[in-house]
Amino acid sequence: MISHVMIGSNDIERSKTFYNAVLGVLGAGEPFVNVAASGHTRLFYMHGGHTFAVSEPINDQPATCANGATIGFTCSSPEQVKELHDVAIANGGTSIEDPPGPREGPMGVMHLCYFTDPDGNKICGIHRAG
């Protein structure tokens, strides 16, 4: 149902460094870099049939994060959840909520981590246990 997710950045090079490291954990390579007709730079990370994009705001206003919004990335194992978190923190992210690990809930056991990127966007790494 979802084609892509795009977030804004106030420092596209900082975002590229951050997401190259973080999404590299999940197997994504270098982004396709596009300069829009407006002159704004966009990064498109394509992996496994999915696209995650980061853009300088086309309206020239500051990029802001959405309160209540979370972007979740599927991880292949509990260990990858922890690695995703640790790489994010090592590259300028901020750990939030509980430490990475298993959570028991109505949908069963999930291994989760939560962090914000350097622009304040809330990111989740998730592995649903068998």
C-alpha atoms as a PDB file:
ATOM      1  CA  MET A   1       0.000   0.000   0.000  1.00  0.00           C
ATOM      2  CA  ILE A   2       2.834   2.440   0.770  1.00  0.00           C
ATOM      3  CA  SER A   3       4.972   3.611  -2.143  1.00  0.00           C
ATOM      4  CA  HIS A   4       7.576   5.503  -0.132  1.00  0.00           C
ATOM      5  CA  VAL A   5       8.282   7.567   2.960  1.00  0.00           C
ATOM      6  CA  MET A   6       9.985  10.954   2.646  1.00  0.00           C
ATOM      7  CA  ILE A   7      11.228  13.101   5.500  1.00  0.00           C
ATOM      8  CA  GLY A   8      12.760  16.558   5.501  1.00  0.00           C
ATOM      9  CA  SER A   9      16.258  17.538   6.526  1.00  0.00           C
ATOM     10  CA  ASN A  10      17.855  20.817   7.534  1.00  0.00           C
ATOM     11  CA  ASP A  11      21.323  19.447   6.679  1.00  0.00           C
ATOM     12  CA  ILE A  12      21.205  17.014   3.759  1.00  0.00           C
ATOM     13  CA  GLU A  13      24.886  16.023   4.035  1.00  0.00           C
ATOM     14  CA  ARG A  14      24.501  15.238   7.748  1.00  0.00           C
ATOM     15  CA  SER A  15      21.403  13.194   6.913  1.00  0.00           C
ATOM     16  CA  LYS A  16      23.261  11.346   4.160  1.00  0.00           C
ATOM     17  CA  THR A  17      26.058  10.408   6.555  1.00  0.00           C
ATOM     18  CA  PHE A  18      23.536   9.298   9.201  1.00  0.00           C
ATOM     19  CA  TYR A  19      21.273   7.272   6.908  1.00  0.00           C
ATOM     20  CA  ASN A  20      24.136   5.730   4.917  1.00  0.00           C
ATOM     21  CA  ALA A  21      25.366   4.234   8.190  1.00  0.00           C
ATOM     22  CA  VAL A  22      21.966   3.352   9.674  1.00  0.00           C
ATOM     23  CA  LEU A  23      20.341   1.945   6.528  1.00  0.00           C
ATOM     24  CA  GLY A  24      23.598   0.187   5.644  1.00  0.00           C
ATOM     25  CA  VAL A  25      22.868  -2.087   8.630  1.00  0.00           C
ATOM     26  CA  LEU A  26      19.721  -3.196   6.769  1.00  0.00           C
ATOM     27  CA  GLY A  27      21.554  -3.741   3.477  1.00  0.00           C
ATOM     28  CA  ALA A  28      20.669  -0.491   1.709  1.00  0.00           C
ATOM     29  CA  GLY A  29      23.448   0.988  -0.384  1.00  0.00           C
ATOM     30  CA  GLU A  30      24.264   4.551  -1.320  1.00  0.00           C
ATOM     31  CA  PRO A  31      21.197   6.651  -2.111  1.00  0.00           C
ATOM     32  CA  PHE A  32      20.210   7.860  -5.538  1.00  0.00           C
ATOM     33  CA  VAL A  33      20.849  11.605  -5.277  1.00  0.00           C
ATOM     34  CA  ASN A  34      18.400  13.805  -7.144  1.00  0.00           C
ATOM     35  CA  VAL A  35      18.469  17.555  -7.463  1.00  0.00           C
ATOM     36  CA  ALA A  36      14.900  18.714  -8.094  1.00  0.00           C
ATOM     37  CA  ALA A  37      14.125  21.414 -10.667  1.00  0.00           C
ATOM     38  CA  SER A  38      13.837  23.774  -7.693  1.00  0.00           C
ATOM     39  CA  GLY A  39      17.491  23.101  -6.822  1.00  0.00           C
ATOM     40  CA  HIS A  40      16.705  21.132  -3.656  1.00  0.00           C
ATOM     41  CA  THR A  41      18.610  17.882  -3.028  1.00  0.00           C
ATOM     42  CA  ARG A  42      16.807  14.607  -2.347  1.00  0.00           C
ATOM     43  CA  LEU A  43      18.251  11.256  -1.299  1.00  0.00           C
ATOM     44  CA  PHE A  44      16.412   8.080  -2.342  1.00  0.00           C
ATOM     45  CA  TYR A  45      17.370   4.859  -0.544  1.00  0.00           C
ATOM     46  CA  MET A  46      15.913   1.895  -2.438  1.00  0.00           C
ATOM     47  CA  HIS A  47      16.119  -1.614  -1.013  1.00  0.00           C
ATOM     48  CA  GLY A  48      13.949  -4.719  -1.185  1.00  0.00           C
ATOM     49  CA  GLY A  49      11.265  -2.990  -3.229  1.00  0.00           C
ATOM     50  CA  HIS A  50      10.918  -0.130  -0.734  1.00  0.00           C
ATOM     51  CA  THR A  51      11.969   3.526  -0.895  1.00  0.00           C
ATOM     52  CA  PHE A  52      12.940   5.820   1.952  1.00  0.00           C
ATOM     53  CA  ALA A  53      13.733   9.402   0.960  1.00  0.00           C
ATOM     54  CA  VAL A  54      15.232  12.458   2.628  1.00  0.00           C
ATOM     55  CA  SER A  55      14.720  15.894   1.094  1.00  0.00           C
ATOM     56  CA  GLU A  56      15.564  19.498   1.622  1.00  0.00           C
ATOM     57  CA  PRO A  57      12.123  21.104   2.042  1.00  0.00           C
ATOM     58  CA  ILE A  58      10.939  22.377  -1.343  1.00  0.00           C
ATOM     59  CA  ASN A  59       9.124  25.301   0.307  1.00  0.00           C
ATOM     60  CA  ASP A  60      12.407  26.570   1.832  1.00  0.00           C
ATOM     61  CA  GLN A  61      10.938  26.397   5.339  1.00  0.00           C
ATOM     62  CA  PRO A  62      12.765  24.522   8.132  1.00  0.00           C
ATOM     63  CA  ALA A  63      12.264  20.757   8.197  1.00  0.00           C
ATOM     64  CA  THR A  64      10.379  19.629  11.288  1.00  0.00           C
ATOM     65  CA  CYS A  65       9.485  16.200  12.612  1.00  0.00           C
ATOM     66  CA  ALA A  66       5.879  15.100  13.072  1.00  0.00           C
ATOM     67  CA  ASN A  67       4.767  14.719  16.681  1.00  0.00           C
ATOM     68  CA  GLY A  68       3.307  11.230  17.085  1.00  0.00           C
ATOM     69  CA  ALA A  69       4.869   9.892  13.880  1.00  0.00           C
ATOM     70  CA  THR A  70       7.257   6.928  13.801  1.00  0.00           C
ATOM     71  CA  ILE A  71       9.045   5.370  10.846  1.00  0.00           C
ATOM     72  CA  GLY A  72       9.655   1.648  11.374  1.00  0.00           C
ATOM     73  CA  PHE A  73      12.348  -0.387   9.634  1.00  0.00           C
ATOM     74  CA  THR A  74      12.105  -4.183   9.550  1.00  0.00           C
ATOM     75  CA  CYS A  75      15.137  -5.962  10.987  1.00  0.00           C
ATOM     76  CA  SER A  76      16.063  -9.584  10.259  1.00  0.00           C
ATOM     77  CA  SER A  77      16.951 -10.518  13.850  1.00  0.00           C
ATOM     78  CA  PRO A  78      17.037  -9.240  17.427  1.00  0.00           C
ATOM     79  CA  GLU A  79      20.771  -8.676  16.959  1.00  0.00           C
ATOM     80  CA  GLN A  80      20.120  -6.444  13.954  1.00  0.00           C
ATOM     81  CA  VAL A  81      17.666  -4.372  16.026  1.00  0.00           C
ATOM     82  CA  LYS A  82      20.459  -3.694  18.537  1.00  0.00           C
ATOM     83  CA  GLU A  83      22.998  -2.996  15.786  1.00  0.00           C
ATOM     84  CA  LEU A  84      20.627  -0.558  14.056  1.00  0.00           C
ATOM     85  CA  HIS A  85      20.206   1.313  17.340  1.00  0.00           C
ATOM     86  CA  ASP A  86      23.922   1.344  18.151  1.00  0.00           C
ATOM     87  CA  VAL A  87      24.928   2.542  14.670  1.00  0.00           C
ATOM     88  CA  ALA A  88      22.287   5.291  14.844  1.00  0.00           C
ATOM     89  CA  ILE A  89      23.593   6.523  18.193  1.00  0.00           C
ATOM     90  CA  ALA A  90      27.216   6.371  16.994  1.00  0.00           C
ATOM     91  CA  ASN A  91      26.254   8.544  14.007  1.00  0.00           C
ATOM     92  CA  GLY A  92      24.444  11.366  15.798  1.00  0.00           C
ATOM     93  CA  GLY A  93      21.086   9.817  16.691  1.00  0.00           C
ATOM     94  CA  THR A  94      19.532   9.949  20.158  1.00  0.00           C
ATOM     95  CA  SER A  95      18.276   6.876  21.983  1.00  0.00           C
ATOM     96  CA  ILE A  96      14.698   7.246  23.239  1.00  0.00           C
ATOM     97  CA  GLU A  97      12.194   5.149  25.183  1.00  0.00           C
ATOM     98  CA  ASP A  98      13.338   1.790  26.580  1.00  0.00           C
ATOM     99  CA  PRO A  99      16.683   0.200  25.646  1.00  0.00           C
ATOM    100  CA  PRO A 100      16.637  -2.099  22.590  1.00  0.00           C
ATOM    101  CA  GLY A 101      15.147  -5.475  23.382  1.00  0.00           C
ATOM    102  CA  PRO A 102      12.064  -7.685  23.497  1.00  0.00           C
ATOM    103  CA  ARG A 103       8.619  -6.318  24.303  1.00  0.00           C
ATOM    104  CA  GLU A 104       5.630  -8.530  25.113  1.00  0.00           C
ATOM    105  CA  GLY A 105       2.326  -7.223  23.818  1.00  0.00           C
ATOM    106  CA  PRO A 106      -1.026  -8.208  22.369  1.00  0.00           C
ATOM    107  CA  MET A 107       0.650  -8.969  19.007  1.00  0.00           C
ATOM    108  CA  GLY A 108       3.232 -11.268  20.635  1.00  0.00           C
ATOM    109  CA  VAL A 109       6.926 -10.732  21.261  1.00  0.00           C
ATOM    110  CA  MET A 110       8.650  -8.025  19.239  1.00  0.00           C
ATOM    111  CA  HIS A 111      12.243  -6.872  19.486  1.00  0.00           C
ATOM    112  CA  LEU A 112      12.296  -3.072  19.245  1.00  0.00           C
ATOM    113  CA  CYS A 113      14.580  -0.078  19.372  1.00  0.00           C
ATOM    114  CA  TYR A 114      13.682   3.589  19.169  1.00  0.00           C
ATOM    115  CA  PHE A 115      15.842   6.579  18.355  1.00  0.00           C
ATOM    116  CA  THR A 116      15.625   9.969  16.722  1.00  0.00           C
ATOM    117  CA  ASP A 117      17.710  11.046  13.756  1.00  0.00           C
ATOM    118  CA  PRO A 118      19.685  14.318  13.877  1.00  0.00           C
ATOM    119  CA  ASP A 119      16.583  16.245  12.681  1.00  0.00           C
ATOM    120  CA  GLY A 120      14.369  14.744  15.410  1.00  0.00           C
ATOM    121  CA  ASN A 121      12.467  12.162  13.321  1.00  0.00           C
ATOM    122  CA  LYS A 122      11.446   9.146  15.421  1.00  0.00           C
ATOM    123  CA  ILE A 123      12.745   5.857  14.023  1.00  0.00           C
ATOM    124  CA  CYS A 124      11.971   2.299  15.127  1.00  0.00           C
ATOM    125  CA  GLY A 125      13.815  -0.930  14.374  1.00  0.00           C
ATOM    126  CA  ILE A 126      11.516  -3.958  14.679  1.00  0.00           C
ATOM    127  CA  HIS A 127      11.884  -7.717  14.519  1.00  0.00           C
ATOM    128  CA  ARG A 128       8.780  -9.803  15.104  1.00  0.00           C
ATOM    129  CA  ALA A 129       9.697 -13.039  16.865  1.00  0.00           C
ATOM    130  CA  GLY A 130       8.701 -16.268  15.079  1.00  0.00           C
END
